[in-house]
Amino acid sequence: MTQERAQRHRARMARRKARVDAGIAAAQQDKGLLLVLTGSGKGKSSSAFGMLARALGHGLRASVVQFIKGRSDTGEEAFFRRQPGVDWQVCGEGFTWETQDRERDIAAARTGWAVAARALADPAVNLVVLDELTYLFSYGYLDLSRALADIAARPPMQHVIITGRAAPQALIDAADTVSDIGDLKHAFRAGVRAQPGIDW
C-alpha cells in the first residue's frame, strides 16, 4: 500500500469513527426493547436463541414460549433447559398441517398466550422470547390488539423478541427493531433432510 493510499484510508476511517462515536454519544436512552425477526428465510429462531445466550451471559432471567412448534427434542431446548434462569414452555401442538384441527390449534394458542402474558407481567423476567408467535396472527388464532396491549404493558426494562414469518404491520410499527430475514437458498429444496444441530 502506498503512503498516499494509507493516508486516504486513515482519513476515511477517522471520518467513520467520528460518525460512529457521535451516534453512540447521542444514544442515551435505556428501555426494554421489542424486537421482531420475520421473513421467509431460515434463522429467525436461531437469532432469538443467540440473544437468549447473550442475556444469560449477563445474568438476566428469561422466559421462552414456543407457539406452533410441538416437538420437544430440539437442540436449543435441550441446551437452554439445563441453564439456570430460563423458563422454557412448548405451547404448540405441531404445525397446522400436522394437527389438521383448527379448534385444537386455537385452544393451544390461547393457552400459550396465557403463559406468555404471565411472563410479560413478571418484572423479574428480563427477556421474553415468543417463538413463532406471528403465525397466531396470520391464522386468526390470537387477537393482535390484545397481544400488543399485553406487550405494551410489560415492565419498562423487559425485552421481548418475537419470531415468525409475515409479521403484521401493526407489530412491525410497534417494534423497536425489525429484521426481515430473506430466503436466497435452502438445502431442503435440494432434497436434504433437516439436520440435527442445524435445523432442530
N, C-alpha and C. Protein backbone atom coordinates (compact mmCIF):
# COMPACT_ATOMS: atom_id res chain seq x y z
N MET A 1 0.84 -1.17 0.00
CA MET A 1 0.00 0.00 0.00
C MET A 1 0.89 1.24 0.00
N THR A 2 0.59 2.15 -0.91
CA THR A 2 1.38 3.37 -0.98
C THR A 2 1.06 4.27 0.21
N GLN A 3 1.98 5.21 0.48
CA GLN A 3 1.78 6.11 1.60
C GLN A 3 0.53 6.97 1.39
N GLU A 4 0.32 7.41 0.14
CA GLU A 4 -0.87 8.23 -0.15
C GLU A 4 -2.15 7.44 0.09
N ARG A 5 -2.16 6.18 -0.35
CA ARG A 5 -3.35 5.35 -0.14
C ARG A 5 -3.59 5.10 1.35
N ALA A 6 -2.51 4.87 2.10
CA ALA A 6 -2.63 4.65 3.54
C ALA A 6 -3.19 5.89 4.23
N GLN A 7 -2.77 7.09 3.79
CA GLN A 7 -3.28 8.33 4.37
C GLN A 7 -4.77 8.51 4.07
N ARG A 8 -5.18 8.18 2.82
CA ARG A 8 -6.61 8.27 2.47
C ARG A 8 -7.44 7.33 3.33
N HIS A 9 -6.89 6.12 3.53
CA HIS A 9 -7.59 5.14 4.36
C HIS A 9 -7.74 5.66 5.79
N ARG A 10 -6.66 6.19 6.37
CA ARG A 10 -6.74 6.71 7.73
C ARG A 10 -7.75 7.86 7.84
N ALA A 11 -7.77 8.73 6.85
CA ALA A 11 -8.71 9.85 6.86
C ALA A 11 -10.15 9.36 6.77
N ARG A 12 -10.38 8.37 5.90
CA ARG A 12 -11.73 7.80 5.75
C ARG A 12 -12.18 7.13 7.04
N MET A 13 -11.28 6.36 7.67
CA MET A 13 -11.62 5.68 8.92
C MET A 13 -11.82 6.68 10.05
N ALA A 14 -11.08 7.78 10.06
CA ALA A 14 -11.27 8.81 11.09
C ALA A 14 -12.65 9.44 10.95
N ARG A 15 -13.08 9.71 9.70
CA ARG A 15 -14.42 10.27 9.49
C ARG A 15 -15.50 9.27 9.93
N ARG A 16 -15.31 7.99 9.62
CA ARG A 16 -16.27 6.96 10.02
C ARG A 16 -16.33 6.86 11.54
N LYS A 17 -15.16 6.85 12.18
CA LYS A 17 -15.13 6.77 13.65
C LYS A 17 -15.86 7.95 14.28
N ALA A 18 -15.68 9.14 13.72
CA ALA A 18 -16.36 10.32 14.26
C ALA A 18 -17.87 10.16 14.16
N ARG A 19 -18.37 9.61 13.04
CA ARG A 19 -19.81 9.39 12.88
C ARG A 19 -20.32 8.35 13.88
N VAL A 20 -19.58 7.24 14.02
CA VAL A 20 -19.98 6.18 14.95
C VAL A 20 -19.97 6.71 16.38
N ASP A 21 -18.91 7.42 16.75
CA ASP A 21 -18.82 7.96 18.11
C ASP A 21 -19.95 8.94 18.39
N ALA A 22 -20.31 9.75 17.40
CA ALA A 22 -21.41 10.70 17.59
C ALA A 22 -22.73 9.96 17.79
N GLY A 23 -22.94 8.89 17.04
CA GLY A 23 -24.16 8.09 17.19
C GLY A 23 -24.24 7.44 18.56
N ILE A 24 -23.11 6.92 19.03
CA ILE A 24 -23.08 6.30 20.36
C ILE A 24 -23.35 7.34 21.44
N ALA A 25 -22.75 8.53 21.30
CA ALA A 25 -22.95 9.58 22.29
C ALA A 25 -24.39 10.05 22.33
N ALA A 26 -25.08 10.03 21.18
CA ALA A 26 -26.46 10.50 21.12
C ALA A 26 -27.45 9.48 21.68
N ALA A 27 -27.06 8.21 21.75
CA ALA A 27 -27.95 7.15 22.24
C ALA A 27 -27.84 7.07 23.76
N GLN A 28 -28.70 7.80 24.45
CA GLN A 28 -28.63 7.90 25.91
C GLN A 28 -29.78 7.20 26.62
N GLN A 29 -30.74 6.66 25.88
CA GLN A 29 -31.95 6.11 26.49
C GLN A 29 -31.77 4.61 26.78
N ASP A 30 -32.23 4.19 27.96
CA ASP A 30 -32.31 2.77 28.31
C ASP A 30 -33.78 2.39 28.36
N LYS A 31 -34.14 1.29 27.73
CA LYS A 31 -35.54 0.84 27.74
C LYS A 31 -35.59 -0.61 27.33
N GLY A 32 -36.67 -1.28 27.71
CA GLY A 32 -36.91 -2.62 27.23
C GLY A 32 -37.28 -2.57 25.76
N LEU A 33 -36.66 -3.39 24.96
CA LEU A 33 -36.86 -3.36 23.51
C LEU A 33 -37.82 -4.45 23.05
N LEU A 34 -38.57 -4.14 22.01
CA LEU A 34 -39.38 -5.13 21.30
C LEU A 34 -38.71 -5.37 19.96
N LEU A 35 -38.23 -6.60 19.77
CA LEU A 35 -37.56 -6.97 18.53
C LEU A 35 -38.42 -7.97 17.77
N VAL A 36 -38.54 -7.79 16.47
CA VAL A 36 -39.30 -8.69 15.62
C VAL A 36 -38.36 -9.26 14.55
N LEU A 37 -38.28 -10.58 14.49
CA LEU A 37 -37.47 -11.29 13.50
C LEU A 37 -38.44 -12.00 12.57
N THR A 38 -38.56 -11.50 11.36
CA THR A 38 -39.57 -12.03 10.43
C THR A 38 -38.93 -12.33 9.09
N GLY A 39 -39.74 -12.71 8.11
CA GLY A 39 -39.23 -13.03 6.78
C GLY A 39 -39.29 -14.52 6.50
N SER A 40 -39.07 -14.88 5.25
CA SER A 40 -39.21 -16.27 4.83
C SER A 40 -37.92 -17.08 4.96
N GLY A 41 -36.83 -16.46 5.38
CA GLY A 41 -35.56 -17.17 5.45
C GLY A 41 -35.36 -17.92 6.75
N LYS A 42 -34.37 -18.81 6.74
CA LYS A 42 -34.01 -19.59 7.92
C LYS A 42 -33.19 -18.72 8.87
N GLY A 43 -33.41 -18.89 10.18
CA GLY A 43 -32.54 -18.24 11.15
C GLY A 43 -33.22 -17.29 12.11
N LYS A 44 -34.53 -17.17 12.03
CA LYS A 44 -35.23 -16.24 12.93
C LYS A 44 -35.16 -16.73 14.38
N SER A 45 -35.57 -17.95 14.61
CA SER A 45 -35.50 -18.51 15.97
C SER A 45 -34.05 -18.63 16.41
N SER A 46 -33.17 -19.03 15.51
CA SER A 46 -31.75 -19.17 15.86
C SER A 46 -31.19 -17.84 16.35
N SER A 47 -31.57 -16.75 15.70
CA SER A 47 -31.12 -15.43 16.13
C SER A 47 -31.65 -15.11 17.52
N ALA A 48 -32.94 -15.42 17.75
CA ALA A 48 -33.52 -15.16 19.07
C ALA A 48 -32.79 -15.94 20.15
N PHE A 49 -32.44 -17.19 19.86
CA PHE A 49 -31.76 -18.00 20.86
C PHE A 49 -30.32 -17.54 21.07
N GLY A 50 -29.73 -16.95 20.06
CA GLY A 50 -28.42 -16.32 20.25
C GLY A 50 -28.51 -15.16 21.23
N MET A 51 -29.57 -14.35 21.10
CA MET A 51 -29.77 -13.25 22.06
C MET A 51 -30.09 -13.78 23.45
N LEU A 52 -30.81 -14.91 23.50
CA LEU A 52 -31.07 -15.55 24.79
C LEU A 52 -29.75 -15.92 25.47
N ALA A 53 -28.81 -16.48 24.70
CA ALA A 53 -27.50 -16.82 25.27
C ALA A 53 -26.79 -15.57 25.77
N ARG A 54 -26.89 -14.48 25.02
CA ARG A 54 -26.28 -13.23 25.46
C ARG A 54 -26.88 -12.78 26.80
N ALA A 55 -28.20 -12.83 26.88
CA ALA A 55 -28.88 -12.40 28.10
C ALA A 55 -28.42 -13.21 29.30
N LEU A 56 -28.34 -14.53 29.12
CA LEU A 56 -27.89 -15.39 30.21
C LEU A 56 -26.45 -15.08 30.60
N GLY A 57 -25.64 -14.74 29.60
CA GLY A 57 -24.26 -14.36 29.88
C GLY A 57 -24.15 -13.13 30.76
N HIS A 58 -25.17 -12.28 30.71
CA HIS A 58 -25.21 -11.08 31.56
C HIS A 58 -25.98 -11.32 32.86
N GLY A 59 -26.34 -12.58 33.12
CA GLY A 59 -27.03 -12.91 34.36
C GLY A 59 -28.51 -12.55 34.37
N LEU A 60 -29.11 -12.33 33.20
CA LEU A 60 -30.53 -11.98 33.13
C LEU A 60 -31.38 -13.23 33.20
N ARG A 61 -32.64 -13.05 33.62
CA ARG A 61 -33.61 -14.14 33.64
C ARG A 61 -34.45 -14.08 32.38
N ALA A 62 -34.82 -15.24 31.86
CA ALA A 62 -35.54 -15.28 30.58
C ALA A 62 -36.67 -16.29 30.62
N SER A 63 -37.66 -16.02 29.79
CA SER A 63 -38.78 -16.95 29.58
C SER A 63 -38.94 -17.15 28.08
N VAL A 64 -39.02 -18.41 27.66
CA VAL A 64 -39.23 -18.75 26.25
C VAL A 64 -40.58 -19.43 26.13
N VAL A 65 -41.41 -18.92 25.23
CA VAL A 65 -42.70 -19.54 24.95
C VAL A 65 -42.72 -19.86 23.46
N GLN A 66 -42.82 -21.14 23.15
CA GLN A 66 -42.83 -21.57 21.75
C GLN A 66 -44.26 -21.89 21.32
N PHE A 67 -44.70 -21.21 20.28
CA PHE A 67 -46.01 -21.44 19.70
C PHE A 67 -45.84 -22.30 18.45
N ILE A 68 -46.91 -22.97 18.03
CA ILE A 68 -46.96 -23.78 16.81
C ILE A 68 -46.08 -25.03 16.94
N LYS A 69 -44.78 -24.85 17.16
CA LYS A 69 -43.88 -26.00 17.26
C LYS A 69 -44.32 -26.90 18.41
N GLY A 70 -44.42 -28.19 18.12
CA GLY A 70 -44.88 -29.11 19.15
C GLY A 70 -43.80 -30.06 19.63
N ARG A 71 -42.70 -30.18 18.91
CA ARG A 71 -41.68 -31.14 19.32
C ARG A 71 -40.87 -30.58 20.47
N SER A 72 -40.39 -31.48 21.30
CA SER A 72 -39.60 -31.06 22.46
C SER A 72 -38.24 -31.75 22.47
N ASP A 73 -37.72 -32.06 21.28
CA ASP A 73 -36.41 -32.71 21.20
C ASP A 73 -35.40 -31.84 20.46
N THR A 74 -35.64 -30.53 20.45
CA THR A 74 -34.73 -29.66 19.72
C THR A 74 -33.46 -29.43 20.52
N GLY A 75 -32.39 -29.15 19.81
CA GLY A 75 -31.12 -28.89 20.46
C GLY A 75 -31.16 -27.67 21.36
N GLU A 76 -31.88 -26.61 20.91
CA GLU A 76 -31.92 -25.40 21.72
C GLU A 76 -32.64 -25.64 23.05
N GLU A 77 -33.74 -26.41 22.99
CA GLU A 77 -34.45 -26.69 24.24
C GLU A 77 -33.59 -27.56 25.16
N ALA A 78 -32.96 -28.59 24.60
CA ALA A 78 -32.11 -29.47 25.40
C ALA A 78 -31.00 -28.68 26.09
N PHE A 79 -30.45 -27.68 25.39
CA PHE A 79 -29.37 -26.88 25.98
C PHE A 79 -29.90 -25.88 27.00
N PHE A 80 -30.89 -25.09 26.60
CA PHE A 80 -31.31 -23.99 27.48
C PHE A 80 -32.08 -24.47 28.71
N ARG A 81 -32.73 -25.60 28.63
CA ARG A 81 -33.41 -26.12 29.83
C ARG A 81 -32.42 -26.43 30.95
N ARG A 82 -31.16 -26.70 30.59
CA ARG A 82 -30.15 -27.00 31.60
C ARG A 82 -29.54 -25.74 32.21
N GLN A 83 -29.88 -24.57 31.65
CA GLN A 83 -29.28 -23.33 32.12
C GLN A 83 -30.14 -22.70 33.22
N PRO A 84 -29.51 -22.24 34.29
CA PRO A 84 -30.28 -21.53 35.32
C PRO A 84 -30.80 -20.22 34.76
N GLY A 85 -31.97 -19.84 35.21
CA GLY A 85 -32.52 -18.55 34.79
C GLY A 85 -33.39 -18.60 33.56
N VAL A 86 -33.69 -19.81 33.04
CA VAL A 86 -34.54 -19.93 31.84
C VAL A 86 -35.77 -20.76 32.17
N ASP A 87 -36.92 -20.21 31.84
CA ASP A 87 -38.18 -20.96 31.89
C ASP A 87 -38.57 -21.23 30.44
N TRP A 88 -38.71 -22.49 30.06
CA TRP A 88 -38.95 -22.88 28.67
C TRP A 88 -40.29 -23.59 28.57
N GLN A 89 -41.21 -23.05 27.78
CA GLN A 89 -42.54 -23.62 27.63
C GLN A 89 -42.83 -23.89 26.15
N VAL A 90 -43.13 -25.15 25.82
CA VAL A 90 -43.58 -25.51 24.47
C VAL A 90 -45.10 -25.55 24.51
N CYS A 91 -45.73 -24.58 23.85
CA CYS A 91 -47.18 -24.43 23.94
C CYS A 91 -47.91 -24.79 22.65
N GLY A 92 -47.18 -25.20 21.63
CA GLY A 92 -47.82 -25.63 20.39
C GLY A 92 -48.04 -27.12 20.39
N GLU A 93 -48.80 -27.56 19.41
CA GLU A 93 -49.04 -29.00 19.25
C GLU A 93 -48.55 -29.49 17.89
N GLY A 94 -47.68 -28.71 17.28
CA GLY A 94 -47.18 -29.07 15.96
C GLY A 94 -47.73 -28.13 14.91
N PHE A 95 -47.10 -28.13 13.77
CA PHE A 95 -47.54 -27.26 12.68
C PHE A 95 -48.96 -27.63 12.25
N THR A 96 -49.67 -26.64 11.72
CA THR A 96 -51.09 -26.82 11.42
C THR A 96 -51.35 -27.96 10.44
N TRP A 97 -50.40 -28.23 9.55
CA TRP A 97 -50.61 -29.35 8.62
C TRP A 97 -50.46 -30.70 9.32
N GLU A 98 -49.88 -30.68 10.54
CA GLU A 98 -49.78 -31.91 11.32
C GLU A 98 -51.02 -32.14 12.17
N THR A 99 -51.50 -31.08 12.84
CA THR A 99 -52.66 -31.25 13.71
C THR A 99 -53.95 -31.39 12.90
N GLN A 100 -54.09 -30.55 11.85
CA GLN A 100 -55.28 -30.56 10.99
C GLN A 100 -56.57 -30.39 11.80
N ASP A 101 -56.48 -29.60 12.87
CA ASP A 101 -57.62 -29.40 13.75
C ASP A 101 -57.59 -27.93 14.21
N ARG A 102 -58.33 -27.08 13.53
CA ARG A 102 -58.27 -25.64 13.79
C ARG A 102 -58.67 -25.30 15.22
N GLU A 103 -59.75 -25.89 15.71
CA GLU A 103 -60.20 -25.56 17.06
C GLU A 103 -59.16 -25.95 18.11
N ARG A 104 -58.51 -27.09 17.92
CA ARG A 104 -57.46 -27.51 18.84
C ARG A 104 -56.27 -26.55 18.78
N ASP A 105 -55.94 -26.09 17.56
CA ASP A 105 -54.84 -25.16 17.40
C ASP A 105 -55.15 -23.82 18.07
N ILE A 106 -56.39 -23.36 17.95
CA ILE A 106 -56.80 -22.10 18.58
C ILE A 106 -56.71 -22.23 20.10
N ALA A 107 -57.18 -23.35 20.63
CA ALA A 107 -57.12 -23.58 22.08
C ALA A 107 -55.67 -23.59 22.56
N ALA A 108 -54.80 -24.25 21.81
CA ALA A 108 -53.38 -24.29 22.19
C ALA A 108 -52.77 -22.90 22.14
N ALA A 109 -53.16 -22.10 21.14
CA ALA A 109 -52.64 -20.74 21.01
C ALA A 109 -53.07 -19.88 22.21
N ARG A 110 -54.31 -20.01 22.60
CA ARG A 110 -54.81 -19.20 23.72
C ARG A 110 -54.18 -19.63 25.04
N THR A 111 -54.00 -20.93 25.21
CA THR A 111 -53.32 -21.42 26.40
C THR A 111 -51.87 -20.91 26.42
N GLY A 112 -51.23 -20.95 25.26
CA GLY A 112 -49.86 -20.45 25.15
C GLY A 112 -49.78 -18.97 25.46
N TRP A 113 -50.77 -18.20 24.99
CA TRP A 113 -50.71 -16.76 25.25
C TRP A 113 -50.90 -16.48 26.73
N ALA A 114 -51.69 -17.27 27.44
CA ALA A 114 -51.84 -17.09 28.88
C ALA A 114 -50.49 -17.27 29.57
N VAL A 115 -49.69 -18.24 29.11
CA VAL A 115 -48.35 -18.45 29.64
C VAL A 115 -47.47 -17.23 29.33
N ALA A 116 -47.56 -16.77 28.09
CA ALA A 116 -46.76 -15.61 27.68
C ALA A 116 -47.15 -14.37 28.47
N ALA A 117 -48.44 -14.17 28.68
CA ALA A 117 -48.91 -12.98 29.39
C ALA A 117 -48.38 -12.96 30.83
N ARG A 118 -48.27 -14.13 31.45
CA ARG A 118 -47.71 -14.18 32.81
C ARG A 118 -46.24 -13.74 32.80
N ALA A 119 -45.50 -14.20 31.81
CA ALA A 119 -44.08 -13.80 31.71
C ALA A 119 -43.97 -12.30 31.44
N LEU A 120 -44.83 -11.78 30.56
CA LEU A 120 -44.80 -10.36 30.23
C LEU A 120 -45.16 -9.47 31.42
N ALA A 121 -45.88 -10.01 32.36
CA ALA A 121 -46.28 -9.24 33.54
C ALA A 121 -45.31 -9.37 34.70
N ASP A 122 -44.29 -10.20 34.56
CA ASP A 122 -43.38 -10.51 35.66
C ASP A 122 -42.13 -9.61 35.60
N PRO A 123 -41.97 -8.69 36.53
CA PRO A 123 -40.80 -7.80 36.48
C PRO A 123 -39.48 -8.51 36.74
N ALA A 124 -39.53 -9.75 37.24
CA ALA A 124 -38.29 -10.50 37.46
C ALA A 124 -37.77 -11.13 36.18
N VAL A 125 -38.59 -11.14 35.12
CA VAL A 125 -38.18 -11.71 33.83
C VAL A 125 -37.63 -10.57 32.97
N ASN A 126 -36.37 -10.70 32.58
CA ASN A 126 -35.72 -9.64 31.81
C ASN A 126 -35.90 -9.77 30.31
N LEU A 127 -36.08 -11.01 29.83
CA LEU A 127 -36.21 -11.26 28.39
C LEU A 127 -37.29 -12.30 28.17
N VAL A 128 -38.21 -11.99 27.25
CA VAL A 128 -39.26 -12.94 26.86
C VAL A 128 -39.10 -13.22 25.37
N VAL A 129 -38.93 -14.49 25.03
CA VAL A 129 -38.86 -14.90 23.63
C VAL A 129 -40.18 -15.56 23.26
N LEU A 130 -40.88 -14.99 22.29
CA LEU A 130 -42.16 -15.51 21.81
C LEU A 130 -41.92 -16.10 20.42
N ASP A 131 -41.55 -17.36 20.42
CA ASP A 131 -41.08 -18.03 19.20
C ASP A 131 -42.26 -18.47 18.33
N GLU A 132 -42.24 -18.07 17.07
CA GLU A 132 -43.28 -18.40 16.08
C GLU A 132 -44.63 -17.75 16.39
N LEU A 133 -44.62 -16.67 17.12
CA LEU A 133 -45.87 -16.01 17.50
C LEU A 133 -46.64 -15.47 16.30
N THR A 134 -45.94 -14.99 15.29
CA THR A 134 -46.63 -14.30 14.18
C THR A 134 -47.66 -15.18 13.49
N TYR A 135 -47.46 -16.49 13.50
CA TYR A 135 -48.43 -17.38 12.85
C TYR A 135 -49.80 -17.30 13.52
N LEU A 136 -49.83 -17.05 14.82
CA LEU A 136 -51.11 -16.97 15.52
C LEU A 136 -51.94 -15.81 15.01
N PHE A 137 -51.28 -14.74 14.58
CA PHE A 137 -51.99 -13.61 14.00
C PHE A 137 -52.41 -13.92 12.56
N SER A 138 -51.50 -14.51 11.78
CA SER A 138 -51.80 -14.83 10.38
C SER A 138 -52.99 -15.78 10.26
N TYR A 139 -53.06 -16.75 11.17
CA TYR A 139 -54.12 -17.76 11.10
C TYR A 139 -55.39 -17.34 11.84
N GLY A 140 -55.34 -16.19 12.52
CA GLY A 140 -56.52 -15.73 13.25
C GLY A 140 -56.74 -16.46 14.55
N TYR A 141 -55.69 -17.03 15.14
CA TYR A 141 -55.81 -17.77 16.39
C TYR A 141 -55.77 -16.85 17.61
N LEU A 142 -55.17 -15.68 17.46
CA LEU A 142 -54.98 -14.77 18.58
C LEU A 142 -55.22 -13.35 18.11
N ASP A 143 -55.89 -12.56 18.94
CA ASP A 143 -56.18 -11.17 18.61
C ASP A 143 -54.90 -10.33 18.75
N LEU A 144 -54.52 -9.68 17.67
CA LEU A 144 -53.29 -8.89 17.66
C LEU A 144 -53.36 -7.73 18.65
N SER A 145 -54.49 -7.05 18.73
CA SER A 145 -54.59 -5.89 19.61
C SER A 145 -54.42 -6.30 21.08
N ARG A 146 -54.93 -7.47 21.44
CA ARG A 146 -54.75 -7.96 22.82
C ARG A 146 -53.28 -8.23 23.09
N ALA A 147 -52.61 -8.89 22.14
CA ALA A 147 -51.20 -9.20 22.33
C ALA A 147 -50.37 -7.92 22.43
N LEU A 148 -50.64 -6.94 21.57
CA LEU A 148 -49.89 -5.68 21.60
C LEU A 148 -50.12 -4.95 22.92
N ALA A 149 -51.35 -5.02 23.44
CA ALA A 149 -51.64 -4.37 24.72
C ALA A 149 -50.85 -5.02 25.85
N ASP A 150 -50.79 -6.35 25.86
CA ASP A 150 -50.02 -7.06 26.90
C ASP A 150 -48.53 -6.74 26.79
N ILE A 151 -48.04 -6.66 25.57
CA ILE A 151 -46.62 -6.34 25.36
C ILE A 151 -46.32 -4.91 25.80
N ALA A 152 -47.21 -3.98 25.46
CA ALA A 152 -47.01 -2.58 25.82
C ALA A 152 -47.05 -2.36 27.33
N ALA A 153 -47.79 -3.21 28.04
CA ALA A 153 -47.96 -3.05 29.50
C ALA A 153 -46.85 -3.75 30.29
N ARG A 154 -45.88 -4.35 29.63
CA ARG A 154 -44.83 -5.10 30.33
C ARG A 154 -43.95 -4.16 31.16
N PRO A 155 -43.15 -4.72 32.06
CA PRO A 155 -42.23 -3.89 32.84
C PRO A 155 -41.30 -3.09 31.91
N PRO A 156 -40.94 -1.88 32.30
CA PRO A 156 -40.25 -0.98 31.37
C PRO A 156 -38.90 -1.45 30.86
N MET A 157 -38.18 -2.29 31.60
CA MET A 157 -36.87 -2.75 31.14
C MET A 157 -36.89 -4.19 30.63
N GLN A 158 -38.06 -4.73 30.40
CA GLN A 158 -38.16 -6.10 29.88
C GLN A 158 -38.05 -6.08 28.35
N HIS A 159 -37.19 -6.94 27.83
CA HIS A 159 -37.02 -7.07 26.39
C HIS A 159 -37.90 -8.22 25.88
N VAL A 160 -38.42 -8.06 24.67
CA VAL A 160 -39.28 -9.08 24.06
C VAL A 160 -38.78 -9.33 22.64
N ILE A 161 -38.64 -10.60 22.29
CA ILE A 161 -38.26 -10.99 20.93
C ILE A 161 -39.39 -11.84 20.36
N ILE A 162 -39.88 -11.46 19.20
CA ILE A 162 -40.95 -12.20 18.51
C ILE A 162 -40.40 -12.72 17.20
N THR A 163 -40.62 -14.01 16.93
CA THR A 163 -40.17 -14.58 15.66
C THR A 163 -41.35 -15.09 14.86
N GLY A 164 -41.12 -15.28 13.56
CA GLY A 164 -42.12 -15.89 12.69
C GLY A 164 -42.28 -15.11 11.39
N ARG A 165 -42.76 -15.81 10.39
CA ARG A 165 -42.98 -15.19 9.08
C ARG A 165 -44.15 -14.22 9.11
N ALA A 166 -44.17 -13.35 8.12
CA ALA A 166 -45.31 -12.48 7.84
C ALA A 166 -45.79 -11.70 9.06
N ALA A 167 -44.87 -11.03 9.73
CA ALA A 167 -45.26 -10.20 10.87
C ALA A 167 -46.24 -9.14 10.40
N PRO A 168 -47.35 -8.96 11.10
CA PRO A 168 -48.33 -7.94 10.68
C PRO A 168 -47.76 -6.54 10.84
N GLN A 169 -48.27 -5.62 10.03
CA GLN A 169 -47.73 -4.26 10.02
C GLN A 169 -47.84 -3.59 11.39
N ALA A 170 -48.94 -3.83 12.11
CA ALA A 170 -49.09 -3.21 13.43
C ALA A 170 -48.00 -3.66 14.39
N LEU A 171 -47.57 -4.90 14.28
CA LEU A 171 -46.49 -5.41 15.12
C LEU A 171 -45.16 -4.76 14.71
N ILE A 172 -44.94 -4.66 13.42
CA ILE A 172 -43.73 -4.00 12.92
C ILE A 172 -43.69 -2.55 13.39
N ASP A 173 -44.83 -1.87 13.33
CA ASP A 173 -44.89 -0.47 13.76
C ASP A 173 -44.59 -0.33 15.24
N ALA A 174 -45.02 -1.29 16.05
CA ALA A 174 -44.82 -1.22 17.49
C ALA A 174 -43.39 -1.57 17.90
N ALA A 175 -42.67 -2.28 17.04
CA ALA A 175 -41.34 -2.79 17.39
C ALA A 175 -40.29 -1.69 17.38
N ASP A 176 -39.25 -1.90 18.18
CA ASP A 176 -38.08 -1.02 18.17
C ASP A 176 -37.08 -1.43 17.09
N THR A 177 -36.95 -2.74 16.89
CA THR A 177 -36.01 -3.28 15.90
C THR A 177 -36.71 -4.39 15.14
N VAL A 178 -36.61 -4.34 13.81
CA VAL A 178 -37.22 -5.37 12.96
C VAL A 178 -36.18 -5.85 11.97
N SER A 179 -36.01 -7.16 11.89
CA SER A 179 -35.14 -7.76 10.88
C SER A 179 -35.97 -8.65 9.98
N ASP A 180 -35.84 -8.44 8.68
CA ASP A 180 -36.53 -9.24 7.68
C ASP A 180 -35.51 -10.21 7.09
N ILE A 181 -35.58 -11.45 7.48
CA ILE A 181 -34.59 -12.44 7.09
C ILE A 181 -35.05 -13.12 5.80
N GLY A 182 -34.30 -12.92 4.75
CA GLY A 182 -34.68 -13.41 3.43
C GLY A 182 -34.26 -14.85 3.18
N ASP A 183 -34.81 -15.40 2.11
CA ASP A 183 -34.53 -16.79 1.71
C ASP A 183 -33.93 -16.77 0.31
N LEU A 184 -32.62 -16.93 0.24
CA LEU A 184 -31.96 -16.99 -1.06
C LEU A 184 -31.78 -18.42 -1.53
N LYS A 185 -31.58 -19.34 -0.60
CA LYS A 185 -31.31 -20.73 -0.96
C LYS A 185 -31.50 -21.57 0.30
N HIS A 186 -32.06 -22.78 0.14
CA HIS A 186 -32.26 -23.66 1.29
C HIS A 186 -32.01 -25.10 0.88
N ALA A 187 -31.26 -25.81 1.71
CA ALA A 187 -30.89 -27.19 1.40
C ALA A 187 -32.11 -28.10 1.25
N PHE A 188 -33.18 -27.82 1.99
CA PHE A 188 -34.38 -28.66 1.94
C PHE A 188 -34.93 -28.76 0.53
N ARG A 189 -34.87 -27.66 -0.22
CA ARG A 189 -35.40 -27.67 -1.59
C ARG A 189 -34.53 -28.49 -2.53
N ALA A 190 -33.32 -28.81 -2.09
CA ALA A 190 -32.44 -29.68 -2.88
C ALA A 190 -32.55 -31.13 -2.41
N GLY A 191 -33.52 -31.41 -1.54
CA GLY A 191 -33.75 -32.78 -1.09
C GLY A 191 -32.98 -33.18 0.15
N VAL A 192 -32.39 -32.22 0.85
CA VAL A 192 -31.63 -32.54 2.05
C VAL A 192 -32.57 -32.50 3.26
N ARG A 193 -32.54 -33.55 4.06
CA ARG A 193 -33.38 -33.61 5.26
C ARG A 193 -32.92 -32.59 6.30
N ALA A 194 -33.83 -32.23 7.21
CA ALA A 194 -33.48 -31.37 8.33
C ALA A 194 -32.39 -32.03 9.17
N GLN A 195 -31.39 -31.27 9.51
CA GLN A 195 -30.22 -31.81 10.19
C GLN A 195 -30.18 -31.39 11.67
N PRO A 196 -29.96 -32.37 12.57
CA PRO A 196 -29.83 -32.01 13.99
C PRO A 196 -28.65 -31.08 14.20
N GLY A 197 -28.86 -30.08 15.02
CA GLY A 197 -27.81 -29.09 15.28
C GLY A 197 -27.85 -27.93 14.31
N ILE A 198 -28.54 -28.08 13.20
CA ILE A 198 -28.70 -27.01 12.23
C ILE A 198 -30.16 -26.59 12.13
N ASP A 199 -31.04 -27.56 11.97
CA ASP A 199 -32.46 -27.27 11.77
C ASP A 199 -33.32 -27.53 13.00
N TRP A 200 -32.85 -28.34 13.93
CA TRP A 200 -33.63 -28.61 15.15
C TRP A 200 -32.73 -29.07 16.28
